Amino acid sequence: MDIRIGNGYDVHAIAPGLTMWLGGVQIPSENGFVAHSDGDVAIHALCDALLGCLALGDIGHLFPDTSDEWKGVDSKILLRKVVDIVHEKGYKVGNVDITIALQRPKLAPHIDRMRETLAPILGVTVDRVSVKATTTEKLGFVGRAEGCEVWASAIILKD
C-alpha cells in the first residue's frame, strides 16, 4: 500500500461586512475573510494538504488569485477539483485533520456541520474528518481578531 501525507497552512485577514465561510459552512458573523474566492481558509489549507500529498504545490498554482475565473468561487468547488486530481492519480483520501485558530466567533456549534459538509466531497465517512477550533488567548493577529490561521493534514492511500 502506498501512503502519502501532506500538510497545508493558510491565513486570511478579517474585515467587517464580509461573509465568513469555514469548512464549507457559512458562519454567522459581522466579519468575514478578505479573499479573491469566498475566503474559506479551512478548505484552502485542506486543498494544500491534499496537493502536498502528491507534491503538486499549492492551490495558488491551480487556482491563481489573478484569474477572474476563480473570483468569488465557492471553495467547495476547489476542493472537489483537488479531490478529483487525487483520484486521477489513483489515490483515495484516508483521513484529514484541520485546526482553525480564530478568536471569534466561537466555532464549536459549527464543527459537526463542517465535518458533515467536507466528508462527502472528500469521499470519506465523517469519522475520517477531524475539525478542531482554538483561540490564541488574545495573542497576535488572531487574538486581535485581525485574521484566521488554519493548519490541515491529510493522508491519501493507493492499494
N, C-alpha and C. Protein backbone atom coordinates (compact mmCIF):
# COMPACT_ATOMS: atom_id res chain seq x y z
N MET A 1 0.85 -1.18 0.00
CA MET A 1 0.00 0.00 0.00
C MET A 1 0.89 1.24 0.00
N ASP A 2 0.54 2.19 -0.83
CA ASP A 2 1.25 3.47 -0.92
C ASP A 2 0.49 4.49 -0.08
N ILE A 3 1.16 5.04 0.92
CA ILE A 3 0.55 6.02 1.82
C ILE A 3 1.33 7.32 1.70
N ARG A 4 0.62 8.42 1.54
CA ARG A 4 1.25 9.73 1.45
C ARG A 4 0.60 10.69 2.44
N ILE A 5 1.42 11.57 3.00
CA ILE A 5 0.97 12.54 3.98
C ILE A 5 1.28 13.94 3.47
N GLY A 6 0.35 14.86 3.66
CA GLY A 6 0.57 16.25 3.28
C GLY A 6 0.08 17.20 4.34
N ASN A 7 0.69 18.37 4.38
CA ASN A 7 0.29 19.41 5.32
C ASN A 7 -0.07 20.67 4.54
N GLY A 8 -1.01 21.43 5.07
CA GLY A 8 -1.39 22.69 4.46
C GLY A 8 -1.55 23.76 5.52
N TYR A 9 -1.36 25.00 5.11
CA TYR A 9 -1.48 26.14 6.02
C TYR A 9 -2.02 27.31 5.21
N ASP A 10 -2.93 28.06 5.80
CA ASP A 10 -3.42 29.25 5.12
C ASP A 10 -3.85 30.28 6.17
N VAL A 11 -3.84 31.53 5.74
CA VAL A 11 -4.21 32.67 6.58
C VAL A 11 -5.05 33.61 5.74
N HIS A 12 -6.08 34.18 6.35
CA HIS A 12 -6.83 35.25 5.71
C HIS A 12 -7.10 36.34 6.73
N ALA A 13 -7.07 37.57 6.26
CA ALA A 13 -7.43 38.72 7.09
C ALA A 13 -8.94 38.75 7.26
N ILE A 14 -9.37 39.40 8.33
CA ILE A 14 -10.79 39.56 8.64
C ILE A 14 -11.16 41.03 8.48
N ALA A 15 -12.34 41.26 7.90
CA ALA A 15 -12.84 42.63 7.74
C ALA A 15 -14.35 42.64 7.93
N PRO A 16 -14.89 43.78 8.37
CA PRO A 16 -16.34 43.87 8.56
C PRO A 16 -17.10 43.85 7.24
N GLY A 17 -18.33 43.35 7.31
CA GLY A 17 -19.22 43.38 6.16
C GLY A 17 -19.01 42.28 5.14
N LEU A 18 -18.08 41.35 5.41
CA LEU A 18 -17.84 40.24 4.50
C LEU A 18 -18.43 38.96 5.07
N THR A 19 -18.62 37.97 4.22
CA THR A 19 -19.17 36.69 4.65
C THR A 19 -18.04 35.81 5.17
N MET A 20 -18.34 35.05 6.24
CA MET A 20 -17.36 34.14 6.80
C MET A 20 -17.74 32.70 6.47
N TRP A 21 -16.89 32.07 5.65
CA TRP A 21 -17.04 30.66 5.30
C TRP A 21 -15.89 29.89 5.92
N LEU A 22 -16.19 28.80 6.60
CA LEU A 22 -15.17 27.91 7.15
C LEU A 22 -15.64 26.46 6.99
N GLY A 23 -14.79 25.64 6.43
CA GLY A 23 -15.13 24.23 6.27
C GLY A 23 -16.38 24.01 5.46
N GLY A 24 -16.64 24.92 4.51
CA GLY A 24 -17.80 24.79 3.65
C GLY A 24 -19.10 25.27 4.26
N VAL A 25 -19.02 25.88 5.45
CA VAL A 25 -20.21 26.31 6.19
C VAL A 25 -20.15 27.83 6.38
N GLN A 26 -21.27 28.49 6.15
CA GLN A 26 -21.33 29.93 6.42
C GLN A 26 -21.52 30.12 7.92
N ILE A 27 -20.61 30.89 8.51
CA ILE A 27 -20.61 31.14 9.95
C ILE A 27 -21.24 32.51 10.20
N PRO A 28 -22.28 32.58 11.03
CA PRO A 28 -22.87 33.88 11.34
C PRO A 28 -21.84 34.79 12.02
N SER A 29 -21.58 35.93 11.42
CA SER A 29 -20.59 36.85 11.95
C SER A 29 -20.76 38.20 11.26
N GLU A 30 -20.40 39.26 11.96
CA GLU A 30 -20.39 40.59 11.35
C GLU A 30 -19.17 40.78 10.46
N ASN A 31 -18.21 39.89 10.59
CA ASN A 31 -16.96 39.97 9.84
C ASN A 31 -16.79 38.75 8.96
N GLY A 32 -15.95 38.90 7.95
CA GLY A 32 -15.65 37.78 7.07
C GLY A 32 -14.22 37.87 6.60
N PHE A 33 -13.85 37.01 5.66
CA PHE A 33 -12.47 36.91 5.21
C PHE A 33 -12.22 37.70 3.93
N VAL A 34 -11.14 38.42 3.93
CA VAL A 34 -10.69 39.15 2.75
C VAL A 34 -10.03 38.12 1.83
N ALA A 35 -10.56 37.98 0.60
CA ALA A 35 -10.03 36.96 -0.30
C ALA A 35 -10.53 37.17 -1.72
N HIS A 36 -9.85 36.54 -2.66
CA HIS A 36 -10.26 36.54 -4.06
C HIS A 36 -11.46 35.61 -4.26
N SER A 37 -11.42 34.45 -3.58
CA SER A 37 -12.52 33.49 -3.64
C SER A 37 -13.49 33.81 -2.51
N ASP A 38 -14.21 32.80 -2.01
CA ASP A 38 -15.09 33.02 -0.86
C ASP A 38 -14.31 33.12 0.44
N GLY A 39 -13.00 32.86 0.39
CA GLY A 39 -12.14 33.03 1.55
C GLY A 39 -12.16 31.91 2.56
N ASP A 40 -12.67 30.74 2.19
CA ASP A 40 -12.75 29.63 3.13
C ASP A 40 -11.35 29.11 3.43
N VAL A 41 -10.74 29.71 4.43
CA VAL A 41 -9.35 29.43 4.78
C VAL A 41 -9.16 27.97 5.19
N ALA A 42 -10.17 27.33 5.76
CA ALA A 42 -10.06 25.93 6.15
C ALA A 42 -9.97 25.03 4.92
N ILE A 43 -10.82 25.27 3.95
CA ILE A 43 -10.76 24.47 2.72
C ILE A 43 -9.47 24.75 1.96
N HIS A 44 -9.01 25.99 1.97
CA HIS A 44 -7.75 26.30 1.27
C HIS A 44 -6.58 25.54 1.87
N ALA A 45 -6.50 25.49 3.20
CA ALA A 45 -5.43 24.73 3.85
C ALA A 45 -5.57 23.24 3.55
N LEU A 46 -6.81 22.75 3.52
CA LEU A 46 -7.05 21.34 3.22
C LEU A 46 -6.64 21.01 1.78
N CYS A 47 -6.97 21.87 0.84
CA CYS A 47 -6.54 21.67 -0.55
C CYS A 47 -5.01 21.59 -0.62
N ASP A 48 -4.34 22.49 0.09
CA ASP A 48 -2.87 22.47 0.09
C ASP A 48 -2.33 21.17 0.68
N ALA A 49 -2.97 20.66 1.74
CA ALA A 49 -2.53 19.40 2.33
C ALA A 49 -2.67 18.26 1.34
N LEU A 50 -3.81 18.20 0.64
CA LEU A 50 -4.03 17.13 -0.35
C LEU A 50 -3.05 17.25 -1.51
N LEU A 51 -2.84 18.47 -1.98
CA LEU A 51 -1.87 18.66 -3.07
C LEU A 51 -0.47 18.33 -2.59
N GLY A 52 -0.17 18.64 -1.34
CA GLY A 52 1.13 18.31 -0.77
C GLY A 52 1.38 16.81 -0.75
N CYS A 53 0.34 16.03 -0.53
CA CYS A 53 0.49 14.57 -0.57
C CYS A 53 1.07 14.11 -1.90
N LEU A 54 0.74 14.82 -2.96
CA LEU A 54 1.15 14.44 -4.31
C LEU A 54 2.29 15.30 -4.84
N ALA A 55 2.85 16.16 -3.99
CA ALA A 55 3.94 17.07 -4.38
C ALA A 55 3.54 17.93 -5.58
N LEU A 56 2.30 18.45 -5.54
CA LEU A 56 1.77 19.25 -6.64
C LEU A 56 1.66 20.73 -6.30
N GLY A 57 2.39 21.19 -5.29
CA GLY A 57 2.38 22.61 -4.97
C GLY A 57 1.17 22.99 -4.15
N ASP A 58 0.66 24.20 -4.39
CA ASP A 58 -0.47 24.69 -3.60
C ASP A 58 -1.60 25.17 -4.51
N ILE A 59 -2.71 25.55 -3.89
CA ILE A 59 -3.88 25.92 -4.70
C ILE A 59 -3.65 27.19 -5.51
N GLY A 60 -2.69 28.01 -5.10
CA GLY A 60 -2.38 29.21 -5.87
C GLY A 60 -1.89 28.89 -7.27
N HIS A 61 -1.26 27.73 -7.44
CA HIS A 61 -0.81 27.32 -8.77
C HIS A 61 -1.98 26.87 -9.64
N LEU A 62 -2.92 26.15 -9.03
CA LEU A 62 -4.07 25.65 -9.79
C LEU A 62 -5.16 26.70 -9.99
N PHE A 63 -5.37 27.51 -8.95
CA PHE A 63 -6.46 28.47 -8.95
C PHE A 63 -5.91 29.85 -8.58
N PRO A 64 -5.17 30.48 -9.47
CA PRO A 64 -4.50 31.75 -9.11
C PRO A 64 -5.48 32.87 -8.79
N ASP A 65 -5.10 33.69 -7.80
CA ASP A 65 -5.96 34.80 -7.40
C ASP A 65 -5.89 35.98 -8.36
N THR A 66 -5.18 35.78 -9.45
CA THR A 66 -5.13 36.79 -10.51
C THR A 66 -6.13 36.47 -11.62
N SER A 67 -6.81 35.32 -11.49
CA SER A 67 -7.74 34.87 -12.53
C SER A 67 -9.18 35.23 -12.18
N ASP A 68 -9.87 35.86 -13.12
CA ASP A 68 -11.29 36.18 -12.92
C ASP A 68 -12.13 34.91 -12.80
N GLU A 69 -11.64 33.80 -13.36
CA GLU A 69 -12.37 32.54 -13.30
C GLU A 69 -12.65 32.11 -11.86
N TRP A 70 -11.74 32.44 -10.95
CA TRP A 70 -11.86 31.99 -9.56
C TRP A 70 -12.35 33.08 -8.62
N LYS A 71 -12.66 34.25 -9.14
CA LYS A 71 -13.12 35.36 -8.29
C LYS A 71 -14.47 35.00 -7.66
N GLY A 72 -14.51 35.03 -6.33
CA GLY A 72 -15.73 34.75 -5.60
C GLY A 72 -16.16 33.29 -5.60
N VAL A 73 -15.33 32.40 -6.10
CA VAL A 73 -15.72 31.00 -6.23
C VAL A 73 -15.97 30.36 -4.86
N ASP A 74 -16.93 29.47 -4.82
CA ASP A 74 -17.20 28.65 -3.65
C ASP A 74 -16.03 27.68 -3.49
N SER A 75 -15.36 27.73 -2.37
CA SER A 75 -14.16 26.91 -2.16
C SER A 75 -14.45 25.41 -2.18
N LYS A 76 -15.71 25.02 -1.96
CA LYS A 76 -16.04 23.60 -2.08
C LYS A 76 -15.80 23.12 -3.51
N ILE A 77 -15.96 23.99 -4.48
CA ILE A 77 -15.68 23.64 -5.88
C ILE A 77 -14.18 23.38 -6.05
N LEU A 78 -13.35 24.21 -5.43
CA LEU A 78 -11.90 24.00 -5.50
C LEU A 78 -11.52 22.67 -4.86
N LEU A 79 -12.13 22.37 -3.70
CA LEU A 79 -11.83 21.11 -3.02
C LEU A 79 -12.24 19.92 -3.89
N ARG A 80 -13.41 20.00 -4.53
CA ARG A 80 -13.84 18.90 -5.41
C ARG A 80 -12.83 18.67 -6.54
N LYS A 81 -12.31 19.76 -7.11
CA LYS A 81 -11.33 19.64 -8.18
C LYS A 81 -10.03 19.01 -7.67
N VAL A 82 -9.62 19.37 -6.47
CA VAL A 82 -8.40 18.79 -5.89
C VAL A 82 -8.62 17.30 -5.59
N VAL A 83 -9.77 16.95 -5.05
CA VAL A 83 -10.07 15.54 -4.79
C VAL A 83 -10.11 14.76 -6.11
N ASP A 84 -10.63 15.36 -7.17
CA ASP A 84 -10.61 14.71 -8.49
C ASP A 84 -9.18 14.41 -8.92
N ILE A 85 -8.27 15.33 -8.67
CA ILE A 85 -6.85 15.11 -9.00
C ILE A 85 -6.30 13.94 -8.19
N VAL A 86 -6.62 13.89 -6.90
CA VAL A 86 -6.18 12.78 -6.05
C VAL A 86 -6.66 11.46 -6.65
N HIS A 87 -7.93 11.41 -7.06
CA HIS A 87 -8.48 10.18 -7.65
C HIS A 87 -7.85 9.86 -8.99
N GLU A 88 -7.60 10.89 -9.82
CA GLU A 88 -6.97 10.66 -11.13
C GLU A 88 -5.57 10.05 -10.98
N LYS A 89 -4.91 10.37 -9.88
CA LYS A 89 -3.57 9.83 -9.62
C LYS A 89 -3.63 8.43 -8.99
N GLY A 90 -4.85 7.92 -8.81
CA GLY A 90 -5.02 6.57 -8.30
C GLY A 90 -5.11 6.46 -6.78
N TYR A 91 -5.28 7.57 -6.10
CA TYR A 91 -5.34 7.57 -4.64
C TYR A 91 -6.76 7.85 -4.17
N LYS A 92 -6.98 7.57 -2.90
CA LYS A 92 -8.22 7.95 -2.22
C LYS A 92 -7.82 8.62 -0.91
N VAL A 93 -8.69 9.46 -0.40
CA VAL A 93 -8.43 10.14 0.87
C VAL A 93 -8.58 9.13 1.99
N GLY A 94 -7.60 9.10 2.89
CA GLY A 94 -7.68 8.24 4.08
C GLY A 94 -8.36 8.98 5.21
N ASN A 95 -7.77 10.09 5.61
CA ASN A 95 -8.38 10.95 6.62
C ASN A 95 -7.74 12.33 6.56
N VAL A 96 -8.42 13.30 7.17
CA VAL A 96 -7.91 14.67 7.23
C VAL A 96 -8.09 15.20 8.64
N ASP A 97 -7.25 16.15 8.99
CA ASP A 97 -7.30 16.78 10.31
C ASP A 97 -7.06 18.28 10.11
N ILE A 98 -7.99 19.10 10.59
CA ILE A 98 -7.95 20.54 10.39
C ILE A 98 -8.00 21.24 11.75
N THR A 99 -7.11 22.20 11.95
CA THR A 99 -7.13 23.02 13.16
C THR A 99 -7.31 24.47 12.75
N ILE A 100 -8.34 25.11 13.28
CA ILE A 100 -8.67 26.50 12.95
C ILE A 100 -8.37 27.37 14.17
N ALA A 101 -7.55 28.40 13.99
CA ALA A 101 -7.29 29.37 15.05
C ALA A 101 -8.03 30.65 14.71
N LEU A 102 -9.03 30.97 15.53
CA LEU A 102 -9.89 32.13 15.31
C LEU A 102 -10.36 32.61 16.68
N GLN A 103 -10.19 33.89 16.95
CA GLN A 103 -10.57 34.41 18.26
C GLN A 103 -12.09 34.45 18.44
N ARG A 104 -12.80 34.92 17.42
CA ARG A 104 -14.25 34.96 17.46
C ARG A 104 -14.79 35.02 16.03
N PRO A 105 -15.96 34.50 15.81
CA PRO A 105 -16.90 33.90 16.75
C PRO A 105 -16.45 32.49 17.17
N LYS A 106 -17.11 31.97 18.20
CA LYS A 106 -16.83 30.62 18.66
C LYS A 106 -17.33 29.64 17.59
N LEU A 107 -16.53 28.62 17.31
CA LEU A 107 -16.84 27.70 16.22
C LEU A 107 -17.44 26.38 16.67
N ALA A 108 -17.40 26.08 17.96
CA ALA A 108 -17.90 24.78 18.44
C ALA A 108 -19.29 24.42 17.90
N PRO A 109 -20.23 25.36 17.83
CA PRO A 109 -21.56 24.99 17.33
C PRO A 109 -21.59 24.62 15.85
N HIS A 110 -20.50 24.86 15.12
CA HIS A 110 -20.49 24.66 13.67
C HIS A 110 -19.60 23.50 13.22
N ILE A 111 -18.84 22.93 14.13
CA ILE A 111 -17.84 21.93 13.74
C ILE A 111 -18.48 20.68 13.15
N ASP A 112 -19.54 20.16 13.75
CA ASP A 112 -20.17 18.96 13.19
C ASP A 112 -20.67 19.20 11.77
N ARG A 113 -21.23 20.38 11.52
CA ARG A 113 -21.72 20.70 10.18
C ARG A 113 -20.56 20.78 9.19
N MET A 114 -19.41 21.33 9.63
CA MET A 114 -18.22 21.36 8.77
C MET A 114 -17.80 19.95 8.39
N ARG A 115 -17.73 19.07 9.37
CA ARG A 115 -17.33 17.69 9.12
C ARG A 115 -18.30 17.01 8.15
N GLU A 116 -19.59 17.23 8.37
CA GLU A 116 -20.62 16.63 7.52
C GLU A 116 -20.60 17.21 6.11
N THR A 117 -20.18 18.45 5.96
CA THR A 117 -20.08 19.08 4.64
C THR A 117 -18.86 18.59 3.89
N LEU A 118 -17.74 18.46 4.58
CA LEU A 118 -16.49 18.07 3.92
C LEU A 118 -16.42 16.59 3.57
N ALA A 119 -16.97 15.72 4.41
CA ALA A 119 -16.83 14.28 4.21
C ALA A 119 -17.29 13.79 2.83
N PRO A 120 -18.48 14.15 2.35
CA PRO A 120 -18.88 13.64 1.04
C PRO A 120 -18.02 14.19 -0.11
N ILE A 121 -17.53 15.40 0.03
CA ILE A 121 -16.65 15.96 -1.01
C ILE A 121 -15.35 15.16 -1.06
N LEU A 122 -14.86 14.78 0.11
CA LEU A 122 -13.62 14.02 0.20
C LEU A 122 -13.82 12.54 -0.13
N GLY A 123 -15.07 12.08 -0.13
CA GLY A 123 -15.37 10.67 -0.40
C GLY A 123 -15.08 9.77 0.78
N VAL A 124 -15.24 10.32 1.99
CA VAL A 124 -14.98 9.54 3.20
C VAL A 124 -16.16 9.69 4.16
N THR A 125 -16.16 8.87 5.19
CA THR A 125 -17.16 9.00 6.23
C THR A 125 -16.75 10.11 7.20
N VAL A 126 -17.71 10.62 7.93
CA VAL A 126 -17.48 11.76 8.83
C VAL A 126 -16.40 11.44 9.87
N ASP A 127 -16.29 10.18 10.27
CA ASP A 127 -15.30 9.84 11.29
C ASP A 127 -13.85 9.93 10.77
N ARG A 128 -13.69 10.24 9.50
CA ARG A 128 -12.35 10.43 8.92
C ARG A 128 -12.03 11.91 8.69
N VAL A 129 -12.92 12.78 9.17
CA VAL A 129 -12.73 14.23 9.05
C VAL A 129 -12.70 14.83 10.45
N SER A 130 -11.54 15.32 10.84
CA SER A 130 -11.39 15.97 12.13
C SER A 130 -11.30 17.48 11.92
N VAL A 131 -12.11 18.22 12.67
CA VAL A 131 -12.04 19.68 12.66
C VAL A 131 -11.99 20.13 14.11
N LYS A 132 -10.97 20.93 14.42
CA LYS A 132 -10.80 21.45 15.77
C LYS A 132 -10.68 22.96 15.68
N ALA A 133 -11.12 23.64 16.73
CA ALA A 133 -11.01 25.10 16.76
C ALA A 133 -10.35 25.53 18.05
N THR A 134 -9.57 26.58 17.95
CA THR A 134 -8.91 27.14 19.11
C THR A 134 -8.82 28.65 18.97
N THR A 135 -8.53 29.32 20.07
CA THR A 135 -8.21 30.74 20.03
C THR A 135 -6.72 30.87 20.31
N THR A 136 -6.22 32.06 20.26
CA THR A 136 -4.82 32.26 20.64
C THR A 136 -4.73 33.06 21.94
N GLU A 137 -5.80 32.96 22.74
CA GLU A 137 -5.83 33.64 24.04
C GLU A 137 -5.53 35.13 23.90
N LYS A 138 -6.07 35.71 22.83
CA LYS A 138 -5.95 37.15 22.53
C LYS A 138 -4.53 37.58 22.18
N LEU A 139 -3.67 36.63 21.80
CA LEU A 139 -2.30 36.95 21.40
C LEU A 139 -2.20 37.02 19.88
N GLY A 140 -1.38 37.91 19.36
CA GLY A 140 -1.09 38.01 17.94
C GLY A 140 -2.26 38.50 17.11
N PHE A 141 -2.09 38.41 15.76
CA PHE A 141 -3.13 38.92 14.87
C PHE A 141 -4.42 38.13 14.99
N VAL A 142 -4.34 36.83 15.30
CA VAL A 142 -5.56 36.05 15.51
C VAL A 142 -6.25 36.54 16.78
N GLY A 143 -5.49 36.72 17.83
CA GLY A 143 -6.04 37.17 19.10
C GLY A 143 -6.67 38.54 19.04
N ARG A 144 -6.15 39.39 18.15
CA ARG A 144 -6.73 40.72 17.97
C ARG A 144 -7.90 40.70 16.99
N ALA A 145 -8.30 39.52 16.54
CA ALA A 145 -9.40 39.31 15.59
C ALA A 145 -9.13 40.01 14.27
N GLU A 146 -7.87 40.02 13.85
CA GLU A 146 -7.48 40.59 12.55
C GLU A 146 -7.40 39.53 11.46
N GLY A 147 -7.34 38.26 11.86
CA GLY A 147 -7.20 37.21 10.87
C GLY A 147 -7.46 35.84 11.45
N CYS A 148 -7.37 34.86 10.58
CA CYS A 148 -7.61 33.45 10.93
C CYS A 148 -6.48 32.62 10.35
N GLU A 149 -6.00 31.65 11.11
CA GLU A 149 -4.98 30.71 10.64
C GLU A 149 -5.58 29.31 10.66
N VAL A 150 -5.20 28.51 9.67
CA VAL A 150 -5.65 27.12 9.63
C VAL A 150 -4.50 26.22 9.21
N TRP A 151 -4.37 25.11 9.93
CA TRP A 151 -3.42 24.06 9.59
C TRP A 151 -4.24 22.83 9.23
N ALA A 152 -3.82 22.12 8.19
CA ALA A 152 -4.52 20.89 7.80
C ALA A 152 -3.49 19.82 7.46
N SER A 153 -3.85 18.60 7.78
CA SER A 153 -3.05 17.43 7.41
C SER A 153 -3.96 16.45 6.71
N ALA A 154 -3.38 15.72 5.77
CA ALA A 154 -4.17 14.73 5.03
C ALA A 154 -3.31 13.50 4.77
N ILE A 155 -3.98 12.36 4.74
CA ILE A 155 -3.36 11.10 4.33
C ILE A 155 -4.15 10.60 3.14
N ILE A 156 -3.43 10.22 2.08
CA ILE A 156 -4.07 9.58 0.94
C ILE A 156 -3.46 8.20 0.76
N LEU A 157 -4.23 7.30 0.17
CA LEU A 157 -3.85 5.90 0.06
C LEU A 157 -4.03 5.38 -1.35
N LYS A 158 -3.14 4.48 -1.75
CA LYS A 158 -3.28 3.75 -3.02
C LYS A 158 -3.04 2.29 -2.71
N ASP A 159 -4.00 1.44 -3.10
CA ASP A 159 -3.85 -0.01 -2.85
C ASP A 159 -2.82 -0.62 -3.77
